[in-house]
Amino acid sequence: MRKFVFAVLSLIVFSAQAQKQSIFNGKDLTGWKVYGTEKWYVDKGELICESGPDKQYGYFATEKEYKDFELTLEFKQESNGNSGVFFHSQIEGTTVSGWQAEVAPLNSHSGGIYESYGRGWLIKPTAEKEKALKEGKWNTMKVVVKGNEVTTWLNGEQMITLTDEKIGSRTGKIALQIHDGGGVKVRWKNIFIQEL
């Protein structure tokens, strides 16, 4: 009986792991597309985004579109780390429509949800939760989108939960952003997604 239970539990764990997929291979930009003229490159297994000479917005988006998912990734902000993780997004040139889980310097609402070219800030984390960000160190973000509901976590701290029918009505690409203004540099690694 114990062997049977162990076998079933092993199968469940294996199935869950099999559904979780790496969407950044740590070697090159396969599976993604660069939008704009800012710099996106791989260095020692990490994805780097860095301001280019134009100092404009830039995006690094999946070729595939996603609806309901759990996304986890790690980021480390260097210099001005203003960036973001977009979902249900569509991009033309450097104009993006969709929703952003904010990645920004301390007390600038990392983990909050911003709607680009739409309603702006939909929800920000409380001042107490802002402290979850580790400046200059690796941070782990998790974004779960299921139906109309979005929940974000930063270093294990639940930052926000938002229910929004407009989000639930859309599908789209996952995209990492580099903010305009110049002097931005962010490192990314361990980007995994599990479709729900």
N, C-alpha and C. Protein backbone atom coordinates (compact mmCIF):
# COMPACT_ATOMS: atom_id res chain seq x y z
N MET A 1 0.84 -1.21 0.00
CA MET A 1 0.00 0.00 0.00
C MET A 1 0.87 1.27 0.00
N ARG A 2 1.92 1.23 0.82
CA ARG A 2 2.80 2.40 0.91
C ARG A 2 3.50 2.65 -0.42
N LYS A 3 3.89 1.57 -1.10
CA LYS A 3 4.54 1.71 -2.41
C LYS A 3 3.57 2.33 -3.42
N PHE A 4 2.31 1.93 -3.34
CA PHE A 4 1.30 2.45 -4.26
C PHE A 4 1.09 3.95 -4.03
N VAL A 5 0.95 4.33 -2.76
CA VAL A 5 0.76 5.74 -2.41
C VAL A 5 1.97 6.56 -2.88
N PHE A 6 3.18 6.03 -2.65
CA PHE A 6 4.39 6.73 -3.08
C PHE A 6 4.42 6.90 -4.60
N ALA A 7 4.01 5.85 -5.30
CA ALA A 7 4.00 5.90 -6.77
C ALA A 7 3.02 6.94 -7.28
N VAL A 8 1.85 7.01 -6.66
CA VAL A 8 0.83 7.99 -7.06
C VAL A 8 1.32 9.41 -6.78
N LEU A 9 1.90 9.62 -5.58
CA LEU A 9 2.41 10.95 -5.24
C LEU A 9 3.55 11.35 -6.18
N SER A 10 4.41 10.41 -6.52
CA SER A 10 5.51 10.70 -7.45
C SER A 10 4.98 11.11 -8.81
N LEU A 11 3.92 10.42 -9.26
CA LEU A 11 3.31 10.74 -10.55
C LEU A 11 2.70 12.13 -10.53
N ILE A 12 2.04 12.48 -9.42
CA ILE A 12 1.44 13.82 -9.30
C ILE A 12 2.52 14.90 -9.34
N VAL A 13 3.60 14.70 -8.59
CA VAL A 13 4.70 15.67 -8.56
C VAL A 13 5.32 15.80 -9.93
N PHE A 14 5.57 14.64 -10.60
CA PHE A 14 6.16 14.65 -11.93
C PHE A 14 5.27 15.39 -12.92
N SER A 15 3.95 15.16 -12.84
CA SER A 15 3.01 15.81 -13.76
C SER A 15 3.03 17.32 -13.57
N ALA A 16 3.07 17.75 -12.30
CA ALA A 16 3.09 19.18 -12.01
C ALA A 16 4.37 19.82 -12.55
N GLN A 17 5.51 19.11 -12.36
CA GLN A 17 6.77 19.65 -12.84
C GLN A 17 6.81 19.67 -14.37
N ALA A 18 6.20 18.66 -14.99
CA ALA A 18 6.21 18.56 -16.45
C ALA A 18 5.46 19.73 -17.08
N GLN A 19 4.47 20.24 -16.38
CA GLN A 19 3.67 21.34 -16.92
C GLN A 19 4.39 22.68 -16.79
N LYS A 20 5.33 22.78 -15.85
CA LYS A 20 6.07 24.02 -15.63
C LYS A 20 7.22 24.06 -16.63
N GLN A 21 7.25 25.09 -17.47
CA GLN A 21 8.24 25.13 -18.55
C GLN A 21 9.11 26.37 -18.44
N SER A 22 10.39 26.18 -18.72
CA SER A 22 11.30 27.31 -18.82
C SER A 22 11.06 28.00 -20.16
N ILE A 23 10.90 29.31 -20.14
CA ILE A 23 10.69 30.03 -21.41
C ILE A 23 11.88 30.93 -21.76
N PHE A 24 12.97 30.79 -20.98
CA PHE A 24 14.24 31.44 -21.33
C PHE A 24 15.33 30.39 -21.15
N ASN A 25 16.05 30.07 -22.23
CA ASN A 25 16.99 28.95 -22.19
C ASN A 25 18.37 29.28 -21.62
N GLY A 26 18.61 30.54 -21.27
CA GLY A 26 19.89 30.91 -20.67
C GLY A 26 21.05 30.99 -21.65
N LYS A 27 20.76 30.78 -22.95
CA LYS A 27 21.82 30.78 -23.97
C LYS A 27 21.63 31.87 -25.01
N ASP A 28 20.37 32.04 -25.46
CA ASP A 28 20.10 33.02 -26.50
C ASP A 28 18.65 33.50 -26.37
N LEU A 29 18.16 34.23 -27.37
CA LEU A 29 16.83 34.86 -27.28
C LEU A 29 15.75 34.04 -27.98
N THR A 30 15.99 32.75 -28.19
CA THR A 30 15.03 31.87 -28.86
C THR A 30 13.67 31.90 -28.16
N GLY A 31 12.60 32.03 -28.97
CA GLY A 31 11.24 32.03 -28.43
C GLY A 31 10.72 33.41 -28.05
N TRP A 32 11.57 34.42 -28.21
CA TRP A 32 11.23 35.78 -27.83
C TRP A 32 11.50 36.72 -29.01
N LYS A 33 10.93 37.91 -28.94
CA LYS A 33 11.16 38.93 -29.96
C LYS A 33 11.45 40.27 -29.29
N VAL A 34 12.44 40.98 -29.81
CA VAL A 34 12.80 42.30 -29.28
C VAL A 34 12.01 43.37 -30.01
N TYR A 35 11.42 44.29 -29.24
CA TYR A 35 10.70 45.44 -29.78
C TYR A 35 11.43 46.70 -29.33
N GLY A 36 11.83 47.54 -30.29
CA GLY A 36 12.54 48.76 -29.95
C GLY A 36 14.04 48.60 -30.16
N THR A 37 14.79 49.63 -29.79
CA THR A 37 16.23 49.67 -30.05
C THR A 37 17.07 49.50 -28.79
N GLU A 38 16.43 49.28 -27.65
CA GLU A 38 17.20 49.09 -26.42
C GLU A 38 17.86 47.71 -26.44
N LYS A 39 18.81 47.48 -25.56
CA LYS A 39 19.65 46.27 -25.62
C LYS A 39 19.06 45.12 -24.79
N TRP A 40 18.99 43.94 -25.43
CA TRP A 40 18.62 42.69 -24.76
C TRP A 40 19.66 41.65 -25.17
N TYR A 41 20.34 41.06 -24.19
CA TYR A 41 21.37 40.08 -24.51
C TYR A 41 21.55 39.11 -23.34
N VAL A 42 22.24 38.01 -23.63
CA VAL A 42 22.46 36.97 -22.62
C VAL A 42 23.92 37.02 -22.18
N ASP A 43 24.13 36.99 -20.86
CA ASP A 43 25.48 37.00 -20.30
C ASP A 43 25.53 36.02 -19.12
N LYS A 44 26.36 34.98 -19.25
CA LYS A 44 26.54 33.99 -18.18
C LYS A 44 25.21 33.41 -17.70
N GLY A 45 24.35 33.08 -18.65
CA GLY A 45 23.07 32.44 -18.33
C GLY A 45 21.98 33.39 -17.89
N GLU A 46 22.28 34.68 -17.85
CA GLU A 46 21.29 35.68 -17.43
C GLU A 46 20.87 36.54 -18.61
N LEU A 47 19.62 36.96 -18.61
CA LEU A 47 19.11 37.89 -19.61
C LEU A 47 19.32 39.31 -19.09
N ILE A 48 19.94 40.15 -19.90
CA ILE A 48 20.20 41.53 -19.49
C ILE A 48 19.40 42.48 -20.37
N CYS A 49 18.72 43.44 -19.75
CA CYS A 49 18.14 44.54 -20.52
C CYS A 49 18.85 45.82 -20.08
N GLU A 50 19.19 46.63 -21.07
CA GLU A 50 20.01 47.81 -20.80
C GLU A 50 19.63 48.92 -21.77
N SER A 51 19.59 50.14 -21.27
CA SER A 51 19.26 51.27 -22.14
C SER A 51 20.25 51.38 -23.29
N GLY A 52 19.72 51.70 -24.47
CA GLY A 52 20.55 51.94 -25.64
C GLY A 52 20.68 53.43 -25.89
N PRO A 53 21.25 53.82 -27.01
CA PRO A 53 21.46 55.24 -27.31
C PRO A 53 20.17 56.04 -27.46
N ASP A 54 19.07 55.38 -27.84
CA ASP A 54 17.81 56.10 -28.02
C ASP A 54 17.11 56.41 -26.69
N LYS A 55 17.46 55.66 -25.64
CA LYS A 55 16.88 55.88 -24.30
C LYS A 55 15.35 55.86 -24.32
N GLN A 56 14.80 54.92 -25.06
CA GLN A 56 13.34 54.81 -25.19
C GLN A 56 12.83 53.54 -24.54
N TYR A 57 11.50 53.36 -24.57
CA TYR A 57 10.91 52.11 -24.10
C TYR A 57 11.35 50.97 -24.99
N GLY A 58 11.52 49.79 -24.40
CA GLY A 58 11.82 48.59 -25.16
C GLY A 58 11.12 47.41 -24.52
N TYR A 59 10.84 46.38 -25.32
CA TYR A 59 10.14 45.20 -24.83
C TYR A 59 10.78 43.94 -25.38
N PHE A 60 10.71 42.90 -24.59
CA PHE A 60 11.21 41.58 -24.95
C PHE A 60 10.06 40.62 -24.69
N ALA A 61 9.42 40.17 -25.76
CA ALA A 61 8.13 39.47 -25.63
C ALA A 61 8.19 38.05 -26.16
N THR A 62 7.41 37.19 -25.53
CA THR A 62 7.29 35.81 -26.01
C THR A 62 6.61 35.79 -27.37
N GLU A 63 6.99 34.85 -28.19
CA GLU A 63 6.30 34.67 -29.46
C GLU A 63 4.92 34.05 -29.22
N LYS A 64 4.82 33.25 -28.17
CA LYS A 64 3.57 32.58 -27.82
C LYS A 64 2.69 33.50 -26.97
N GLU A 65 1.37 33.32 -27.09
CA GLU A 65 0.42 34.04 -26.24
C GLU A 65 -0.09 33.13 -25.13
N TYR A 66 -0.44 33.74 -23.99
CA TYR A 66 -0.89 32.99 -22.83
C TYR A 66 -2.16 33.61 -22.27
N LYS A 67 -3.03 32.78 -21.72
CA LYS A 67 -4.28 33.24 -21.11
C LYS A 67 -4.21 33.12 -19.58
N ASP A 68 -4.35 31.92 -19.07
CA ASP A 68 -4.26 31.67 -17.62
C ASP A 68 -2.94 30.98 -17.33
N PHE A 69 -2.20 31.48 -16.34
CA PHE A 69 -0.85 30.95 -16.12
C PHE A 69 -0.33 31.33 -14.74
N GLU A 70 0.73 30.63 -14.36
CA GLU A 70 1.55 31.01 -13.21
C GLU A 70 2.95 31.25 -13.75
N LEU A 71 3.45 32.46 -13.59
CA LEU A 71 4.78 32.84 -14.07
C LEU A 71 5.67 33.14 -12.88
N THR A 72 6.86 32.55 -12.88
CA THR A 72 7.85 32.90 -11.85
C THR A 72 9.14 33.31 -12.55
N LEU A 73 9.82 34.27 -11.97
CA LEU A 73 11.11 34.72 -12.51
C LEU A 73 11.90 35.41 -11.41
N GLU A 74 13.18 35.59 -11.69
CA GLU A 74 14.04 36.34 -10.78
C GLU A 74 14.58 37.57 -11.51
N PHE A 75 14.70 38.67 -10.79
CA PHE A 75 15.28 39.88 -11.37
C PHE A 75 16.20 40.56 -10.36
N LYS A 76 17.18 41.25 -10.91
CA LYS A 76 18.13 42.02 -10.10
C LYS A 76 18.28 43.38 -10.76
N GLN A 77 17.96 44.42 -10.03
CA GLN A 77 18.01 45.78 -10.58
C GLN A 77 19.39 46.38 -10.39
N GLU A 78 19.96 46.85 -11.49
CA GLU A 78 21.22 47.57 -11.43
C GLU A 78 20.98 48.96 -12.00
N SER A 79 21.67 49.94 -11.47
CA SER A 79 21.42 51.32 -11.90
C SER A 79 19.95 51.62 -11.63
N ASN A 80 19.27 52.32 -12.53
CA ASN A 80 17.84 52.55 -12.41
C ASN A 80 17.14 51.29 -12.88
N GLY A 81 16.48 50.57 -11.98
CA GLY A 81 15.89 49.28 -12.34
C GLY A 81 14.46 49.33 -12.77
N ASN A 82 14.01 50.47 -13.31
CA ASN A 82 12.59 50.60 -13.66
C ASN A 82 12.26 49.72 -14.86
N SER A 83 11.39 48.74 -14.62
CA SER A 83 11.04 47.77 -15.64
C SER A 83 9.64 47.24 -15.35
N GLY A 84 9.32 46.07 -15.89
CA GLY A 84 8.01 45.50 -15.62
C GLY A 84 7.82 44.18 -16.35
N VAL A 85 6.83 43.43 -15.88
CA VAL A 85 6.47 42.16 -16.49
C VAL A 85 5.05 42.31 -17.03
N PHE A 86 4.93 42.37 -18.35
CA PHE A 86 3.62 42.53 -18.99
C PHE A 86 2.97 41.18 -19.26
N PHE A 87 1.64 41.16 -19.24
CA PHE A 87 0.89 39.96 -19.59
C PHE A 87 -0.35 40.38 -20.37
N HIS A 88 -0.91 39.41 -21.11
CA HIS A 88 -2.06 39.67 -21.99
C HIS A 88 -1.76 40.89 -22.87
N SER A 89 -0.53 40.98 -23.35
CA SER A 89 -0.11 42.18 -24.06
C SER A 89 -0.01 41.97 -25.57
N GLN A 90 -0.22 43.05 -26.30
CA GLN A 90 -0.01 43.12 -27.74
C GLN A 90 0.92 44.32 -27.96
N ILE A 91 1.88 44.16 -28.89
CA ILE A 91 2.89 45.20 -29.08
C ILE A 91 3.02 45.54 -30.56
N GLU A 92 3.03 46.84 -30.84
CA GLU A 92 3.32 47.32 -32.19
C GLU A 92 4.39 48.40 -32.06
N GLY A 93 5.55 48.15 -32.68
CA GLY A 93 6.67 49.07 -32.49
C GLY A 93 7.10 49.01 -31.04
N THR A 94 6.96 50.14 -30.33
CA THR A 94 7.19 50.14 -28.88
C THR A 94 5.94 50.61 -28.13
N THR A 95 4.78 50.44 -28.78
CA THR A 95 3.51 50.75 -28.12
C THR A 95 2.89 49.43 -27.66
N VAL A 96 2.67 49.33 -26.37
CA VAL A 96 2.16 48.08 -25.80
C VAL A 96 0.78 48.32 -25.21
N SER A 97 -0.14 47.39 -25.46
CA SER A 97 -1.42 47.40 -24.76
C SER A 97 -1.44 46.14 -23.91
N GLY A 98 -1.83 46.30 -22.66
CA GLY A 98 -1.83 45.17 -21.75
C GLY A 98 -1.62 45.63 -20.32
N TRP A 99 -1.25 44.68 -19.47
CA TRP A 99 -1.12 44.95 -18.04
C TRP A 99 0.27 44.61 -17.58
N GLN A 100 0.77 45.42 -16.66
CA GLN A 100 2.15 45.30 -16.18
C GLN A 100 2.18 45.03 -14.68
N ALA A 101 2.89 43.97 -14.30
CA ALA A 101 3.26 43.79 -12.90
C ALA A 101 4.55 44.58 -12.73
N GLU A 102 4.49 45.64 -11.98
CA GLU A 102 5.59 46.60 -11.89
C GLU A 102 6.86 45.99 -11.30
N VAL A 103 7.99 46.34 -11.89
CA VAL A 103 9.32 46.06 -11.35
C VAL A 103 10.02 47.41 -11.32
N ALA A 104 10.27 47.92 -10.13
CA ALA A 104 10.76 49.30 -10.02
C ALA A 104 11.61 49.45 -8.76
N PRO A 105 12.32 50.58 -8.64
CA PRO A 105 13.09 50.83 -7.42
C PRO A 105 12.20 50.85 -6.17
N LEU A 106 12.83 50.82 -5.01
CA LEU A 106 12.13 50.75 -3.73
C LEU A 106 11.07 51.84 -3.60
N ASN A 107 9.92 51.47 -3.08
CA ASN A 107 8.78 52.37 -2.86
C ASN A 107 8.18 52.93 -4.15
N SER A 108 8.38 52.18 -5.25
CA SER A 108 7.77 52.59 -6.52
C SER A 108 6.80 51.55 -7.03
N HIS A 109 6.24 50.76 -6.10
CA HIS A 109 5.08 49.89 -6.33
C HIS A 109 5.36 48.59 -7.07
N SER A 110 6.55 48.00 -6.88
CA SER A 110 6.81 46.69 -7.46
C SER A 110 5.72 45.70 -7.03
N GLY A 111 5.23 44.95 -8.01
CA GLY A 111 4.15 44.00 -7.73
C GLY A 111 2.76 44.57 -7.95
N GLY A 112 2.66 45.90 -8.10
CA GLY A 112 1.37 46.52 -8.42
C GLY A 112 1.03 46.29 -9.89
N ILE A 113 -0.21 46.57 -10.27
CA ILE A 113 -0.66 46.35 -11.65
C ILE A 113 -1.00 47.68 -12.32
N TYR A 114 -0.37 47.90 -13.47
CA TYR A 114 -0.56 49.12 -14.24
C TYR A 114 -1.06 48.75 -15.63
N GLU A 115 -2.08 49.46 -16.11
CA GLU A 115 -2.61 49.23 -17.46
C GLU A 115 -2.07 50.32 -18.38
N SER A 116 -1.24 49.89 -19.35
CA SER A 116 -0.64 50.86 -20.28
C SER A 116 -1.65 51.34 -21.32
N TYR A 117 -1.57 52.63 -21.64
CA TYR A 117 -2.46 53.25 -22.62
C TYR A 117 -3.92 52.93 -22.30
N GLY A 118 -4.25 53.00 -21.00
CA GLY A 118 -5.61 52.70 -20.56
C GLY A 118 -5.91 53.41 -19.27
N ARG A 119 -6.19 52.65 -18.24
CA ARG A 119 -6.65 53.21 -16.96
C ARG A 119 -5.52 53.55 -16.00
N GLY A 120 -4.26 53.27 -16.39
CA GLY A 120 -3.15 53.58 -15.50
C GLY A 120 -3.09 52.59 -14.34
N TRP A 121 -2.74 53.09 -13.15
CA TRP A 121 -2.63 52.21 -11.98
C TRP A 121 -3.99 51.64 -11.62
N LEU A 122 -4.05 50.31 -11.53
CA LEU A 122 -5.28 49.64 -11.08
C LEU A 122 -5.19 49.28 -9.61
N ILE A 123 -3.97 48.93 -9.16
CA ILE A 123 -3.78 48.61 -7.75
C ILE A 123 -2.29 48.71 -7.42
N LYS A 124 -2.00 49.26 -6.24
CA LYS A 124 -0.62 49.35 -5.76
C LYS A 124 -0.51 48.59 -4.44
N PRO A 125 0.67 48.01 -4.15
CA PRO A 125 0.84 47.37 -2.84
C PRO A 125 0.83 48.41 -1.73
N THR A 126 0.50 47.98 -0.53
CA THR A 126 0.53 48.89 0.61
C THR A 126 1.97 49.30 0.91
N ALA A 127 2.12 50.39 1.65
CA ALA A 127 3.45 50.89 1.98
C ALA A 127 4.27 49.84 2.72
N GLU A 128 3.63 49.06 3.57
CA GLU A 128 4.33 48.01 4.34
C GLU A 128 4.88 46.93 3.40
N LYS A 129 4.10 46.57 2.40
CA LYS A 129 4.51 45.51 1.47
C LYS A 129 5.64 45.96 0.54
N GLU A 130 5.78 47.27 0.33
CA GLU A 130 6.85 47.78 -0.52
C GLU A 130 8.23 47.31 -0.03
N LYS A 131 8.33 47.03 1.27
CA LYS A 131 9.61 46.63 1.86
C LYS A 131 10.07 45.25 1.41
N ALA A 132 9.22 44.51 0.70
CA ALA A 132 9.59 43.16 0.24
C ALA A 132 10.70 43.19 -0.80
N LEU A 133 10.87 44.33 -1.48
CA LEU A 133 11.90 44.43 -2.52
C LEU A 133 13.29 44.48 -1.90
N LYS A 134 14.20 43.68 -2.44
CA LYS A 134 15.60 43.68 -2.00
C LYS A 134 16.42 44.48 -3.00
N GLU A 135 16.80 45.68 -2.63
CA GLU A 135 17.55 46.55 -3.54
C GLU A 135 18.93 45.98 -3.84
N GLY A 136 19.28 45.94 -5.13
CA GLY A 136 20.60 45.49 -5.54
C GLY A 136 20.84 44.00 -5.41
N LYS A 137 19.79 43.24 -5.07
CA LYS A 137 19.92 41.78 -4.91
C LYS A 137 18.90 41.09 -5.81
N TRP A 138 19.02 39.77 -5.90
CA TRP A 138 18.05 38.99 -6.68
C TRP A 138 16.72 38.94 -5.95
N ASN A 139 15.65 39.16 -6.70
CA ASN A 139 14.28 39.10 -6.19
C ASN A 139 13.52 38.06 -7.00
N THR A 140 12.57 37.40 -6.34
CA THR A 140 11.72 36.43 -7.02
C THR A 140 10.30 36.98 -7.11
N MET A 141 9.78 37.05 -8.33
CA MET A 141 8.40 37.49 -8.54
C MET A 141 7.56 36.34 -9.08
N LYS A 142 6.34 36.25 -8.58
CA LYS A 142 5.38 35.29 -9.12
C LYS A 142 4.12 36.06 -9.51
N VAL A 143 3.62 35.79 -10.71
CA VAL A 143 2.39 36.40 -11.21
C VAL A 143 1.44 35.27 -11.61
N VAL A 144 0.25 35.25 -11.01
CA VAL A 144 -0.75 34.25 -11.36
C VAL A 144 -1.96 34.97 -11.95
N VAL A 145 -2.31 34.58 -13.17
CA VAL A 145 -3.49 35.13 -13.85
C VAL A 145 -4.43 33.97 -14.13
N LYS A 146 -5.63 34.06 -13.58
CA LYS A 146 -6.62 33.01 -13.80
C LYS A 146 -7.99 33.65 -13.91
N GLY A 147 -8.56 33.57 -15.11
CA GLY A 147 -9.84 34.23 -15.34
C GLY A 147 -9.70 35.73 -15.15
N ASN A 148 -10.55 36.29 -14.30
CA ASN A 148 -10.53 37.74 -14.05
C ASN A 148 -9.58 38.15 -12.93
N GLU A 149 -8.90 37.18 -12.32
CA GLU A 149 -8.11 37.46 -11.11
C GLU A 149 -6.61 37.43 -11.38
N VAL A 150 -5.92 38.42 -10.83
CA VAL A 150 -4.46 38.50 -10.88
C VAL A 150 -3.94 38.63 -9.45
N THR A 151 -2.92 37.82 -9.12
CA THR A 151 -2.25 37.92 -7.83
C THR A 151 -0.76 37.95 -8.08
N THR A 152 -0.05 38.81 -7.36
CA THR A 152 1.41 38.86 -7.48
C THR A 152 2.05 38.63 -6.12
N TRP A 153 3.24 38.04 -6.17
CA TRP A 153 4.07 37.84 -4.98
C TRP A 153 5.46 38.37 -5.27
N LEU A 154 6.12 38.91 -4.26
CA LEU A 154 7.51 39.36 -4.36
C LEU A 154 8.26 38.79 -3.17
N ASN A 155 9.22 37.92 -3.46
CA ASN A 155 10.01 37.26 -2.41
C ASN A 155 9.12 36.60 -1.36
N GLY A 156 8.06 35.94 -1.86
CA GLY A 156 7.15 35.21 -0.99
C GLY A 156 6.05 36.04 -0.35
N GLU A 157 6.12 37.35 -0.48
CA GLU A 157 5.11 38.25 0.09
C GLU A 157 4.02 38.52 -0.96
N GLN A 158 2.76 38.21 -0.60
CA GLN A 158 1.67 38.51 -1.54
C GLN A 158 1.50 40.02 -1.60
N MET A 159 1.67 40.57 -2.81
CA MET A 159 1.66 42.02 -2.96
C MET A 159 0.26 42.56 -3.23
N ILE A 160 -0.45 41.95 -4.18
CA ILE A 160 -1.81 42.42 -4.53
C ILE A 160 -2.65 41.24 -5.01
N THR A 161 -3.96 41.43 -4.93
CA THR A 161 -4.92 40.58 -5.65
C THR A 161 -5.92 41.53 -6.28
N LEU A 162 -6.18 41.31 -7.56
CA LEU A 162 -7.06 42.19 -8.32
C LEU A 162 -8.03 41.36 -9.14
N THR A 163 -9.30 41.75 -9.11
CA THR A 163 -10.30 41.13 -9.98
C THR A 163 -10.73 42.16 -11.01
N ASP A 164 -10.58 41.81 -12.30
CA ASP A 164 -10.85 42.76 -13.37
C ASP A 164 -11.33 42.01 -14.61
N GLU A 165 -12.56 42.30 -15.04
CA GLU A 165 -13.15 41.59 -16.17
C GLU A 165 -12.42 41.87 -17.47
N LYS A 166 -11.87 43.06 -17.62
CA LYS A 166 -11.15 43.41 -18.85
C LYS A 166 -9.92 42.53 -19.02
N ILE A 167 -9.20 42.29 -17.91
CA ILE A 167 -8.05 41.38 -17.96
C ILE A 167 -8.50 39.99 -18.35
N GLY A 168 -9.58 39.53 -17.74
CA GLY A 168 -10.08 38.18 -18.00
C GLY A 168 -10.56 37.97 -19.42
N SER A 169 -10.88 39.05 -20.12
CA SER A 169 -11.41 38.93 -21.48
C SER A 169 -10.31 38.83 -22.53
N ARG A 170 -9.06 38.98 -22.12
CA ARG A 170 -7.96 39.08 -23.09
C ARG A 170 -6.98 37.92 -22.98
N THR A 171 -6.19 37.77 -24.01
CA THR A 171 -5.03 36.90 -24.00
C THR A 171 -3.88 37.70 -24.60
N GLY A 172 -2.67 37.18 -24.56
CA GLY A 172 -1.57 37.93 -25.15
C GLY A 172 -0.21 37.43 -24.73
N LYS A 173 0.80 38.18 -25.11
CA LYS A 173 2.18 37.80 -24.87
C LYS A 173 2.62 38.17 -23.46
N ILE A 174 3.63 37.45 -22.96
CA ILE A 174 4.37 37.86 -21.78
C ILE A 174 5.50 38.75 -22.30
N ALA A 175 5.72 39.91 -21.68
CA ALA A 175 6.77 40.81 -22.15
C ALA A 175 7.49 41.46 -20.98
N LEU A 176 8.79 41.52 -21.07
CA LEU A 176 9.59 42.27 -20.11
C LEU A 176 9.84 43.65 -20.70
N GLN A 177 9.80 44.66 -19.83
CA GLN A 177 9.94 46.05 -20.30
C GLN A 177 11.24 46.66 -19.82
N ILE A 178 11.80 47.54 -20.63
CA ILE A 178 12.83 48.46 -20.16
C ILE A 178 12.25 49.86 -20.30
N HIS A 179 12.32 50.63 -19.23
CA HIS A 179 11.71 51.96 -19.19
C HIS A 179 12.53 52.96 -20.00
N ASP A 180 11.87 54.02 -20.44
CA ASP A 180 12.59 55.07 -21.16
C ASP A 180 13.38 55.94 -20.19
N GLY A 181 14.15 56.87 -20.74
CA GLY A 181 14.90 57.81 -19.91
C GLY A 181 16.38 57.53 -19.81
N GLY A 182 16.79 56.31 -20.18
CA GLY A 182 18.21 55.98 -20.12
C GLY A 182 18.67 55.54 -18.75
N GLY A 183 19.85 54.92 -18.71
CA GLY A 183 20.45 54.51 -17.44
C GLY A 183 19.77 53.34 -16.76
N VAL A 184 18.98 52.57 -17.50
CA VAL A 184 18.26 51.43 -16.92
C VAL A 184 19.03 50.14 -17.21
N LYS A 185 19.17 49.30 -16.19
CA LYS A 185 19.78 47.98 -16.38
C LYS A 185 19.16 47.01 -15.39
N VAL A 186 18.65 45.89 -15.92
CA VAL A 186 18.03 44.86 -15.10
C VAL A 186 18.50 43.49 -15.59
N ARG A 187 18.79 42.61 -14.65
CA ARG A 187 19.14 41.23 -14.96
C ARG A 187 17.95 40.32 -14.65
N TRP A 188 17.75 39.29 -15.47
CA TRP A 188 16.65 38.34 -15.30
C TRP A 188 17.18 36.92 -15.42
N LYS A 189 16.55 35.99 -14.71
CA LYS A 189 16.91 34.57 -14.87
C LYS A 189 15.77 33.70 -14.34
N ASN A 190 15.90 32.40 -14.63
CA ASN A 190 14.94 31.40 -14.13
C ASN A 190 13.49 31.82 -14.42
N ILE A 191 13.17 31.99 -15.70
CA ILE A 191 11.84 32.41 -16.12
C ILE A 191 11.04 31.15 -16.46
N PHE A 192 10.05 30.85 -15.64
CA PHE A 192 9.24 29.64 -15.82
C PHE A 192 7.76 30.00 -15.91
N ILE A 193 7.02 29.24 -16.71
CA ILE A 193 5.57 29.44 -16.80
C ILE A 193 4.86 28.09 -16.75
N GLN A 194 3.73 28.09 -16.10
CA GLN A 194 2.85 26.92 -16.08
C GLN A 194 1.47 27.38 -16.48
N GLU A 195 0.97 26.86 -17.59
CA GLU A 195 -0.37 27.22 -18.04
C GLU A 195 -1.41 26.54 -17.16
N LEU A 196 -2.44 27.29 -16.82
CA LEU A 196 -3.47 26.77 -15.90
C LEU A 196 -4.76 26.44 -16.65
